[in-house]
Amino acid sequence: MSNRDHLVDGLHSILEDLWGGSDQIAASEFRKLMAWRERAVKSAVPTYRAGTFPGPVFQDAQDLGFLEFAAPAMFNIEAAFNSGDSNTTAERIKDLLSSLSARQSA
């Protein structure tokens, strides 16, 4: 599963939890997704160059631009979770999914 797929699937799952009335579960899952995104954007995938001393050479994370694009909206979603308004939170998640879908199509 790519980073892009993991992010989108996670947001869909959180939205379903919100619609099902499981606000606490959705908030917990969103915190996990935020932490995962932070780890995923770090360029921590070591590669090695042939014929050189075997030191790591770091490369960009998979789908880095996609994950960075989602960051501001995810912080807005986090603020909505913190305010306790599940309707606003659901709207912000739907908006993010729409913008991610548009970005993926472009």
N, C-alpha and C. Protein backbone atom coordinates (compact mmCIF):
# COMPACT_ATOMS: atom_id res chain seq x y z
N MET A 1 0.86 -1.17 0.00
CA MET A 1 0.00 0.00 0.00
C MET A 1 0.91 1.24 0.00
N SER A 2 0.62 2.16 -0.88
CA SER A 2 1.42 3.38 -0.97
C SER A 2 1.03 4.35 0.15
N ASN A 3 1.88 5.33 0.38
CA ASN A 3 1.57 6.36 1.38
C ASN A 3 0.29 7.09 1.02
N ARG A 4 0.11 7.33 -0.27
CA ARG A 4 -1.09 8.02 -0.76
C ARG A 4 -2.34 7.20 -0.39
N ASP A 5 -2.31 5.91 -0.66
CA ASP A 5 -3.45 5.04 -0.35
C ASP A 5 -3.71 4.97 1.15
N HIS A 6 -2.64 4.89 1.92
CA HIS A 6 -2.79 4.79 3.38
C HIS A 6 -3.47 6.05 3.94
N LEU A 7 -3.06 7.21 3.45
CA LEU A 7 -3.65 8.46 3.92
C LEU A 7 -5.12 8.55 3.56
N VAL A 8 -5.45 8.27 2.32
CA VAL A 8 -6.84 8.37 1.87
C VAL A 8 -7.72 7.34 2.57
N ASP A 9 -7.25 6.11 2.69
CA ASP A 9 -8.02 5.07 3.38
C ASP A 9 -8.25 5.44 4.85
N GLY A 10 -7.21 5.98 5.49
CA GLY A 10 -7.33 6.39 6.88
C GLY A 10 -8.37 7.50 7.06
N LEU A 11 -8.36 8.47 6.15
CA LEU A 11 -9.35 9.56 6.24
C LEU A 11 -10.76 9.05 6.02
N HIS A 12 -10.94 8.13 5.08
CA HIS A 12 -12.27 7.54 4.86
C HIS A 12 -12.75 6.79 6.10
N SER A 13 -11.87 6.04 6.73
CA SER A 13 -12.23 5.29 7.93
C SER A 13 -12.63 6.23 9.07
N ILE A 14 -11.89 7.32 9.22
CA ILE A 14 -12.19 8.30 10.27
C ILE A 14 -13.54 8.95 10.00
N LEU A 15 -13.81 9.27 8.75
CA LEU A 15 -15.09 9.86 8.39
C LEU A 15 -16.24 8.90 8.69
N GLU A 16 -16.06 7.63 8.41
CA GLU A 16 -17.10 6.63 8.73
C GLU A 16 -17.34 6.55 10.23
N ASP A 17 -16.26 6.63 11.03
CA ASP A 17 -16.42 6.61 12.48
C ASP A 17 -17.22 7.82 12.95
N LEU A 18 -16.94 8.99 12.36
CA LEU A 18 -17.68 10.20 12.73
C LEU A 18 -19.15 10.06 12.39
N TRP A 19 -19.44 9.57 11.20
CA TRP A 19 -20.83 9.40 10.79
C TRP A 19 -21.53 8.35 11.63
N GLY A 20 -20.78 7.38 12.15
CA GLY A 20 -21.36 6.35 12.99
C GLY A 20 -21.52 6.77 14.45
N GLY A 21 -21.10 7.98 14.77
CA GLY A 21 -21.23 8.49 16.14
C GLY A 21 -20.09 8.12 17.06
N SER A 22 -19.02 7.57 16.52
CA SER A 22 -17.86 7.17 17.33
C SER A 22 -16.80 8.27 17.30
N ASP A 23 -17.13 9.41 17.89
CA ASP A 23 -16.23 10.56 17.84
C ASP A 23 -14.90 10.30 18.53
N GLN A 24 -14.93 9.60 19.66
CA GLN A 24 -13.68 9.33 20.39
C GLN A 24 -12.77 8.40 19.60
N ILE A 25 -13.34 7.40 18.98
CA ILE A 25 -12.55 6.47 18.16
C ILE A 25 -11.98 7.22 16.96
N ALA A 26 -12.80 8.06 16.34
CA ALA A 26 -12.34 8.83 15.18
C ALA A 26 -11.19 9.76 15.58
N ALA A 27 -11.30 10.41 16.73
CA ALA A 27 -10.23 11.30 17.19
C ALA A 27 -8.95 10.52 17.45
N SER A 28 -9.07 9.36 18.05
CA SER A 28 -7.89 8.52 18.31
C SER A 28 -7.24 8.07 17.00
N GLU A 29 -8.07 7.63 16.05
CA GLU A 29 -7.54 7.19 14.76
C GLU A 29 -6.90 8.36 14.00
N PHE A 30 -7.47 9.55 14.14
CA PHE A 30 -6.88 10.71 13.47
C PHE A 30 -5.52 11.06 14.07
N ARG A 31 -5.40 10.97 15.39
CA ARG A 31 -4.09 11.23 16.02
C ARG A 31 -3.05 10.24 15.52
N LYS A 32 -3.45 8.98 15.37
CA LYS A 32 -2.53 7.97 14.83
C LYS A 32 -2.14 8.30 13.39
N LEU A 33 -3.11 8.75 12.59
CA LEU A 33 -2.84 9.11 11.20
C LEU A 33 -1.91 10.33 11.11
N MET A 34 -2.10 11.29 12.00
CA MET A 34 -1.22 12.47 12.04
C MET A 34 0.21 12.04 12.37
N ALA A 35 0.37 11.18 13.35
CA ALA A 35 1.71 10.71 13.73
C ALA A 35 2.33 9.91 12.59
N TRP A 36 1.52 9.09 11.92
CA TRP A 36 2.03 8.32 10.79
C TRP A 36 2.50 9.26 9.68
N ARG A 37 1.73 10.31 9.38
CA ARG A 37 2.10 11.24 8.32
C ARG A 37 3.41 11.95 8.64
N GLU A 38 3.59 12.31 9.90
CA GLU A 38 4.85 12.95 10.31
C GLU A 38 6.04 12.02 10.07
N ARG A 39 5.87 10.75 10.40
CA ARG A 39 6.95 9.79 10.16
C ARG A 39 7.17 9.54 8.68
N ALA A 40 6.08 9.51 7.92
CA ALA A 40 6.17 9.18 6.50
C ALA A 40 6.87 10.26 5.68
N VAL A 41 6.78 11.53 6.10
CA VAL A 41 7.39 12.60 5.30
C VAL A 41 8.89 12.72 5.54
N LYS A 42 9.37 12.12 6.61
CA LYS A 42 10.81 12.17 6.87
C LYS A 42 11.54 11.30 5.85
N SER A 43 12.63 11.83 5.35
CA SER A 43 13.38 11.08 4.36
C SER A 43 14.30 10.09 5.07
N ALA A 44 13.71 9.00 5.50
CA ALA A 44 14.45 8.03 6.29
C ALA A 44 14.60 6.69 5.59
N VAL A 45 14.58 6.70 4.30
CA VAL A 45 14.74 5.46 3.54
C VAL A 45 16.17 5.41 3.04
N PRO A 46 17.04 4.67 3.70
CA PRO A 46 18.44 4.67 3.28
C PRO A 46 18.66 3.85 2.01
N THR A 47 19.52 4.38 1.18
CA THR A 47 19.98 3.65 0.01
C THR A 47 21.49 3.67 0.04
N TYR A 48 22.11 2.79 -0.68
CA TYR A 48 23.56 2.71 -0.68
C TYR A 48 24.08 2.82 -2.11
N ARG A 49 25.18 3.53 -2.27
CA ARG A 49 25.79 3.68 -3.59
C ARG A 49 26.88 2.63 -3.75
N ALA A 50 26.84 1.98 -4.88
CA ALA A 50 27.81 0.91 -5.14
C ALA A 50 29.22 1.49 -5.26
N GLY A 51 30.19 0.78 -4.70
CA GLY A 51 31.59 1.18 -4.82
C GLY A 51 32.03 2.25 -3.85
N THR A 52 31.19 2.64 -2.92
CA THR A 52 31.56 3.66 -1.95
C THR A 52 31.48 3.07 -0.55
N PHE A 53 31.96 3.82 0.40
CA PHE A 53 31.83 3.41 1.79
C PHE A 53 30.34 3.28 2.09
N PRO A 54 29.92 2.20 2.74
CA PRO A 54 28.48 1.94 2.91
C PRO A 54 27.81 2.87 3.94
N GLY A 55 27.70 4.13 3.59
CA GLY A 55 26.95 5.07 4.43
C GLY A 55 25.61 5.34 3.79
N PRO A 56 24.62 5.64 4.58
CA PRO A 56 23.29 5.86 4.01
C PRO A 56 23.22 7.16 3.22
N VAL A 57 22.49 7.13 2.12
CA VAL A 57 22.17 8.31 1.34
C VAL A 57 20.65 8.40 1.37
N PHE A 58 20.15 9.46 1.95
CA PHE A 58 18.70 9.54 2.14
C PHE A 58 18.01 10.05 0.89
N GLN A 59 16.81 9.54 0.66
CA GLN A 59 16.01 9.94 -0.49
C GLN A 59 14.65 10.44 0.00
N ASP A 60 13.93 11.14 -0.88
CA ASP A 60 12.62 11.65 -0.51
C ASP A 60 11.66 10.50 -0.22
N ALA A 61 10.76 10.74 0.70
CA ALA A 61 9.74 9.75 1.04
C ALA A 61 8.80 9.54 -0.15
N GLN A 62 8.20 8.38 -0.20
CA GLN A 62 7.22 8.06 -1.25
C GLN A 62 6.03 9.02 -1.14
N ASP A 63 5.59 9.58 -2.25
CA ASP A 63 4.44 10.50 -2.30
C ASP A 63 4.63 11.73 -1.41
N LEU A 64 5.85 12.24 -1.32
CA LEU A 64 6.17 13.35 -0.43
C LEU A 64 5.31 14.57 -0.72
N GLY A 65 5.19 14.97 -1.97
CA GLY A 65 4.39 16.14 -2.32
C GLY A 65 2.94 16.00 -1.91
N PHE A 66 2.39 14.80 -2.08
CA PHE A 66 1.01 14.51 -1.71
C PHE A 66 0.81 14.66 -0.19
N LEU A 67 1.76 14.11 0.58
CA LEU A 67 1.67 14.17 2.04
C LEU A 67 1.84 15.60 2.54
N GLU A 68 2.75 16.35 1.92
CA GLU A 68 2.95 17.75 2.33
C GLU A 68 1.74 18.61 1.96
N PHE A 69 1.11 18.32 0.84
CA PHE A 69 -0.10 19.04 0.42
C PHE A 69 -1.21 18.87 1.45
N ALA A 70 -1.31 17.68 2.05
CA ALA A 70 -2.38 17.37 3.00
C ALA A 70 -2.15 17.99 4.38
N ALA A 71 -0.93 18.37 4.70
CA ALA A 71 -0.59 18.80 6.05
C ALA A 71 -1.44 19.97 6.56
N PRO A 72 -1.56 21.10 5.84
CA PRO A 72 -2.35 22.22 6.39
C PRO A 72 -3.80 21.84 6.69
N ALA A 73 -4.41 21.08 5.78
CA ALA A 73 -5.80 20.67 6.01
C ALA A 73 -5.90 19.73 7.20
N MET A 74 -4.89 18.88 7.39
CA MET A 74 -4.92 17.97 8.53
C MET A 74 -4.81 18.74 9.85
N PHE A 75 -4.05 19.82 9.86
CA PHE A 75 -3.97 20.64 11.07
C PHE A 75 -5.31 21.32 11.34
N ASN A 76 -6.04 21.71 10.28
CA ASN A 76 -7.38 22.28 10.45
C ASN A 76 -8.35 21.23 10.98
N ILE A 77 -8.23 20.01 10.51
CA ILE A 77 -9.07 18.92 11.02
C ILE A 77 -8.77 18.67 12.49
N GLU A 78 -7.50 18.70 12.84
CA GLU A 78 -7.11 18.52 14.24
C GLU A 78 -7.74 19.59 15.12
N ALA A 79 -7.75 20.83 14.64
CA ALA A 79 -8.37 21.92 15.40
C ALA A 79 -9.87 21.69 15.56
N ALA A 80 -10.52 21.17 14.51
CA ALA A 80 -11.95 20.88 14.59
C ALA A 80 -12.22 19.75 15.60
N PHE A 81 -11.36 18.73 15.61
CA PHE A 81 -11.50 17.67 16.62
C PHE A 81 -11.37 18.26 18.02
N ASN A 82 -10.39 19.14 18.20
CA ASN A 82 -10.16 19.74 19.51
C ASN A 82 -11.32 20.60 19.96
N SER A 83 -12.04 21.21 19.01
CA SER A 83 -13.19 22.03 19.38
C SER A 83 -14.40 21.19 19.75
N GLY A 84 -14.40 19.91 19.34
CA GLY A 84 -15.49 19.00 19.69
C GLY A 84 -16.67 19.05 18.75
N ASP A 85 -16.57 19.74 17.62
CA ASP A 85 -17.67 19.85 16.67
C ASP A 85 -17.50 18.79 15.59
N SER A 86 -18.24 17.71 15.70
CA SER A 86 -18.08 16.60 14.77
C SER A 86 -18.57 16.94 13.36
N ASN A 87 -19.57 17.83 13.25
CA ASN A 87 -20.05 18.20 11.91
C ASN A 87 -18.99 18.98 11.15
N THR A 88 -18.34 19.94 11.81
CA THR A 88 -17.27 20.71 11.18
C THR A 88 -16.11 19.80 10.83
N THR A 89 -15.80 18.89 11.73
CA THR A 89 -14.70 17.94 11.49
C THR A 89 -14.99 17.10 10.25
N ALA A 90 -16.19 16.58 10.14
CA ALA A 90 -16.57 15.76 8.99
C ALA A 90 -16.50 16.58 7.70
N GLU A 91 -16.94 17.82 7.75
CA GLU A 91 -16.87 18.69 6.56
C GLU A 91 -15.43 18.91 6.14
N ARG A 92 -14.55 19.15 7.10
CA ARG A 92 -13.15 19.39 6.78
C ARG A 92 -12.49 18.14 6.21
N ILE A 93 -12.87 16.98 6.71
CA ILE A 93 -12.32 15.73 6.16
C ILE A 93 -12.81 15.53 4.74
N LYS A 94 -14.11 15.79 4.49
CA LYS A 94 -14.64 15.65 3.13
C LYS A 94 -13.96 16.64 2.19
N ASP A 95 -13.71 17.86 2.65
CA ASP A 95 -13.02 18.85 1.82
C ASP A 95 -11.60 18.39 1.48
N LEU A 96 -10.90 17.83 2.46
CA LEU A 96 -9.55 17.35 2.22
C LEU A 96 -9.57 16.19 1.23
N LEU A 97 -10.49 15.26 1.41
CA LEU A 97 -10.58 14.13 0.47
C LEU A 97 -10.88 14.62 -0.94
N SER A 98 -11.73 15.62 -1.07
CA SER A 98 -12.04 16.17 -2.39
C SER A 98 -10.81 16.81 -3.02
N SER A 99 -10.07 17.58 -2.23
CA SER A 99 -8.88 18.25 -2.78
C SER A 99 -7.79 17.23 -3.10
N LEU A 100 -7.67 16.17 -2.30
CA LEU A 100 -6.69 15.13 -2.60
C LEU A 100 -7.07 14.38 -3.87
N SER A 101 -8.37 14.15 -4.06
CA SER A 101 -8.84 13.48 -5.26
C SER A 101 -8.57 14.34 -6.49
N ALA A 102 -8.82 15.63 -6.38
CA ALA A 102 -8.56 16.54 -7.49
C ALA A 102 -7.06 16.60 -7.80
N ARG A 103 -6.25 16.59 -6.77
CA ARG A 103 -4.79 16.64 -6.97
C ARG A 103 -4.29 15.35 -7.61
N GLN A 104 -4.88 14.22 -7.24
CA GLN A 104 -4.48 12.93 -7.79
C GLN A 104 -4.86 12.84 -9.26
N SER A 105 -6.00 13.43 -9.62
CA SER A 105 -6.45 13.39 -11.01
C SER A 105 -5.63 14.29 -11.91
N ALA A 106 -5.09 15.38 -11.33
CA ALA A 106 -4.35 16.37 -12.13
C ALA A 106 -2.99 15.87 -12.55
